[in-house]
Amino acid sequence: FGDWGLAFMHLEPGQAVTVEDELSVYSNVNRDANDTGANVPMTELWYEHHLFTQQLCITAGKLDPANYLDQNEFAFDETSQFLGRIFRNSPAIEWPDDNTLGASMAIAPKTIPWFSVNASYYNANNTWEDIFDKPFISSEIILKPSRAFGYDEKEWDGNYRFYWWYNGLDHSKLVDIGESP
């Protein structure tokens, strides 16, 4: 929609079993492998609106939270780069259950081209009911040293990311062996 908005729909069908069922490994081989039984599920459906000459971006709909936190240009595509899930996104982040209802806001001021920040809110249990009861909330600050110091971005491109996340799903409580639960 010109330079003020974008709509996106991602359909992702799959049929037949994959090699994942045959392997017993820590991080399986393909995050994208699925058997939908010849159905065509909608993986993502969202609208993104740009404001203030694209310095503020607001996205809402059925989103993949990994597209808005902990991105990696060199290992983010599980179909053409690293196939292992562990290399796509940090295994330390407790991601929501699949793509889910959510919204994200990114601010990238043109006066500070080496700095951007984003914040996101998602329904962590992917029920589409009581969307504020079990949140997955994240925020991230991104610093781009090549832009800050005027280096050649093709040679020195890279980011430093500082992020925080919270998953509101119910968790098992760990207790001391000496305590009674």
Protein backbone atom coordinates (compact mmCIF):
# COMPACT_ATOMS: atom_id res chain seq x y z
CA PHE A 1 0.00 0.00 0.00
CA GLY A 2 2.54 2.55 -1.13
CA ASP A 3 5.04 3.43 1.55
CA TRP A 4 2.49 3.62 4.40
CA GLY A 5 1.33 0.02 4.85
CA LEU A 6 1.74 -3.65 4.09
CA ALA A 7 -0.58 -6.68 4.33
CA PHE A 8 0.73 -10.23 4.37
CA MET A 9 -0.80 -13.70 4.24
CA HIS A 10 1.38 -16.82 4.57
CA LEU A 11 -0.16 -20.17 3.64
CA GLU A 12 1.96 -23.20 4.52
CA PRO A 13 0.64 -26.63 3.47
CA GLY A 14 2.58 -29.85 3.76
CA GLN A 15 1.81 -33.45 3.07
CA ALA A 16 3.52 -36.69 4.07
CA VAL A 17 5.76 -37.54 6.99
CA THR A 18 9.14 -35.89 7.39
CA VAL A 19 12.51 -37.10 8.59
CA GLU A 20 11.90 -35.43 11.98
CA ASP A 21 9.86 -38.40 13.22
CA GLU A 22 12.83 -40.71 12.64
CA LEU A 23 15.42 -38.64 14.51
CA SER A 24 16.04 -38.30 18.23
CA VAL A 25 18.24 -35.23 18.48
CA TYR A 26 18.43 -32.18 20.75
CA SER A 27 17.43 -29.74 18.03
CA ASN A 28 15.57 -31.20 15.11
CA VAL A 29 16.39 -30.55 11.50
CA ASN A 30 13.66 -28.36 10.05
CA ARG A 31 11.41 -25.93 11.83
CA ASP A 32 9.21 -25.69 8.72
CA ALA A 33 8.50 -29.40 8.25
CA ASN A 34 4.85 -30.22 8.82
CA ASP A 35 2.13 -32.58 7.67
CA THR A 36 -1.16 -30.72 7.33
CA GLY A 37 -2.97 -33.62 5.69
CA ALA A 38 -3.35 -31.70 2.43
CA ASN A 39 -5.09 -28.81 4.25
CA VAL A 40 -3.84 -25.30 3.62
CA PRO A 41 -3.44 -23.62 7.02
CA MET A 42 -2.85 -19.89 7.37
CA THR A 43 0.50 -19.53 9.13
CA GLU A 44 0.49 -15.73 9.27
CA LEU A 45 -1.99 -12.97 8.47
CA TRP A 46 -1.14 -9.43 9.47
CA TYR A 47 -1.27 -5.75 8.60
CA GLU A 48 1.63 -3.37 9.14
CA HIS A 49 1.21 0.41 9.16
CA HIS A 50 4.09 2.89 8.80
CA LEU A 51 3.96 6.36 10.35
CA PHE A 52 6.25 9.40 10.42
CA THR A 53 8.07 8.55 7.18
CA GLN A 54 8.54 4.94 8.26
CA GLN A 55 10.15 5.79 11.58
CA LEU A 56 7.32 4.08 13.47
CA CYS A 57 5.92 0.73 12.39
CA ILE A 58 2.91 -0.98 13.99
CA THR A 59 2.04 -4.58 13.05
CA ALA A 60 -0.97 -6.60 14.23
CA GLY A 61 -2.57 -9.94 13.36
CA LYS A 62 -1.49 -13.59 13.46
CA LEU A 63 2.27 -13.18 13.80
CA ASP A 64 5.43 -15.26 14.15
CA PRO A 65 7.06 -13.76 17.27
CA ALA A 66 10.51 -14.84 16.01
CA ASN A 67 10.17 -12.28 13.20
CA TYR A 68 10.19 -9.49 15.80
CA LEU A 69 12.77 -10.71 18.33
CA ASP A 70 16.20 -12.35 18.04
CA GLN A 71 16.54 -12.16 14.27
CA ASN A 72 19.71 -13.28 12.55
CA GLU A 73 20.47 -12.48 8.90
CA PHE A 74 22.86 -15.40 8.51
CA ALA A 75 20.90 -18.19 10.21
CA PHE A 76 17.24 -17.12 10.20
CA ASP A 77 15.97 -19.16 7.24
CA GLU A 78 15.58 -22.84 8.12
CA THR A 79 15.08 -23.80 4.49
CA SER A 80 18.24 -22.31 2.96
CA GLN A 81 20.72 -21.67 5.78
CA PHE A 82 20.98 -23.80 8.93
CA LEU A 83 18.33 -26.50 9.04
CA GLY A 84 18.60 -27.05 12.80
CA ARG A 85 16.04 -25.18 14.89
CA ILE A 86 18.64 -24.34 17.52
CA PHE A 87 20.48 -22.10 15.05
CA ARG A 88 17.41 -20.20 13.84
CA ASN A 89 16.50 -18.55 17.15
CA SER A 90 17.79 -18.73 20.67
CA PRO A 91 16.67 -21.93 22.41
CA ALA A 92 16.76 -19.99 25.70
CA ILE A 93 13.70 -17.94 24.70
CA GLU A 94 10.45 -19.62 25.69
CA TRP A 95 8.52 -18.81 22.51
CA PRO A 96 4.70 -18.85 22.40
CA ASP A 97 2.87 -21.93 21.18
CA ASP A 98 3.21 -21.42 17.40
CA ASN A 99 2.25 -18.28 15.52
CA THR A 100 -0.36 -16.37 17.44
CA LEU A 101 -2.46 -13.24 17.81
CA GLY A 102 -0.26 -10.29 18.61
CA ALA A 103 1.02 -6.82 17.89
CA SER A 104 4.45 -5.29 17.53
CA MET A 105 5.74 -1.74 17.41
CA ALA A 106 9.17 -0.72 16.07
CA ILE A 107 10.77 2.72 16.29
CA ALA A 108 13.74 3.54 14.05
CA PRO A 109 14.50 7.30 14.16
CA LYS A 110 16.13 8.60 10.98
CA THR A 111 18.14 11.08 13.07
CA ILE A 112 19.76 8.10 14.87
CA PRO A 113 20.23 5.54 12.05
CA TRP A 114 22.29 3.21 14.25
CA PHE A 115 19.54 2.73 16.84
CA SER A 116 16.13 1.09 16.84
CA VAL A 117 13.80 -0.38 19.42
CA ASN A 118 10.80 -2.67 19.27
CA ALA A 119 8.18 -3.97 21.68
CA SER A 120 5.70 -6.81 21.15
CA TYR A 121 2.74 -8.47 22.83
CA TYR A 122 1.39 -11.93 21.92
CA ASN A 123 -1.15 -14.45 23.19
CA ALA A 124 1.35 -17.03 24.55
CA ASN A 125 -0.92 -20.08 24.58
CA ASN A 126 -2.34 -19.36 21.10
CA THR A 127 -5.96 -19.88 22.18
CA TRP A 128 -7.31 -16.62 20.75
CA GLU A 129 -9.40 -16.43 23.91
CA ASP A 130 -8.54 -14.39 26.98
CA ILE A 131 -5.66 -12.90 25.04
CA PHE A 132 -4.46 -10.82 27.98
CA ASP A 133 -4.35 -13.70 30.52
CA LYS A 134 -1.27 -15.54 29.18
CA PRO A 135 0.98 -12.97 27.48
CA PHE A 136 4.32 -13.28 25.75
CA ILE A 137 5.86 -9.82 25.99
CA SER A 138 9.20 -8.81 24.49
CA SER A 139 11.26 -5.72 23.85
CA GLU A 140 14.55 -5.27 22.07
CA ILE A 141 17.11 -2.51 21.57
CA ILE A 142 19.19 -2.83 18.39
CA LEU A 143 22.52 -1.03 17.90
CA LYS A 144 24.27 -0.96 14.51
CA PRO A 145 27.95 -0.03 14.99
CA SER A 146 28.72 0.16 11.26
CA ARG A 147 26.21 3.00 10.92
CA ALA A 148 27.28 4.67 14.16
CA PHE A 149 30.95 4.82 13.12
CA GLY A 150 30.49 5.19 9.35
CA TYR A 151 31.98 1.80 8.42
CA ASP A 152 31.25 0.05 5.13
CA GLU A 153 28.01 -1.85 5.89
CA LYS A 154 28.74 -4.60 3.35
CA GLU A 155 31.98 -5.43 5.13
CA TRP A 156 31.14 -4.58 8.75
CA ASP A 157 27.37 -5.03 8.97
CA GLY A 158 26.08 -6.52 12.19
CA ASN A 159 23.95 -5.71 15.19
CA TYR A 160 24.17 -5.75 18.93
CA ARG A 161 20.82 -6.71 20.43
CA PHE A 162 19.70 -6.31 24.00
CA TYR A 163 16.37 -7.91 24.66
CA TRP A 164 13.97 -8.89 27.39
CA TRP A 165 11.06 -11.32 27.22
CA TYR A 166 8.39 -12.72 29.51
CA ASN A 167 6.14 -15.74 28.96
CA GLY A 168 3.04 -15.78 31.16
CA LEU A 169 2.17 -19.45 30.65
CA ASP A 170 1.85 -21.60 33.76
CA HIS A 171 5.19 -23.16 34.70
CA SER A 172 6.22 -26.03 36.91
CA LYS A 173 7.40 -24.86 40.30
CA LEU A 174 10.79 -26.13 41.39
CA VAL A 175 11.06 -26.79 45.09
CA ASP A 176 13.95 -27.67 47.35
CA ILE A 177 14.09 -31.40 48.15
CA GLY A 178 13.91 -30.52 51.84
CA GLU A 179 10.65 -28.60 51.33
CA SER A 180 7.26 -30.13 50.98
CA PRO A 181 5.30 -28.81 47.93
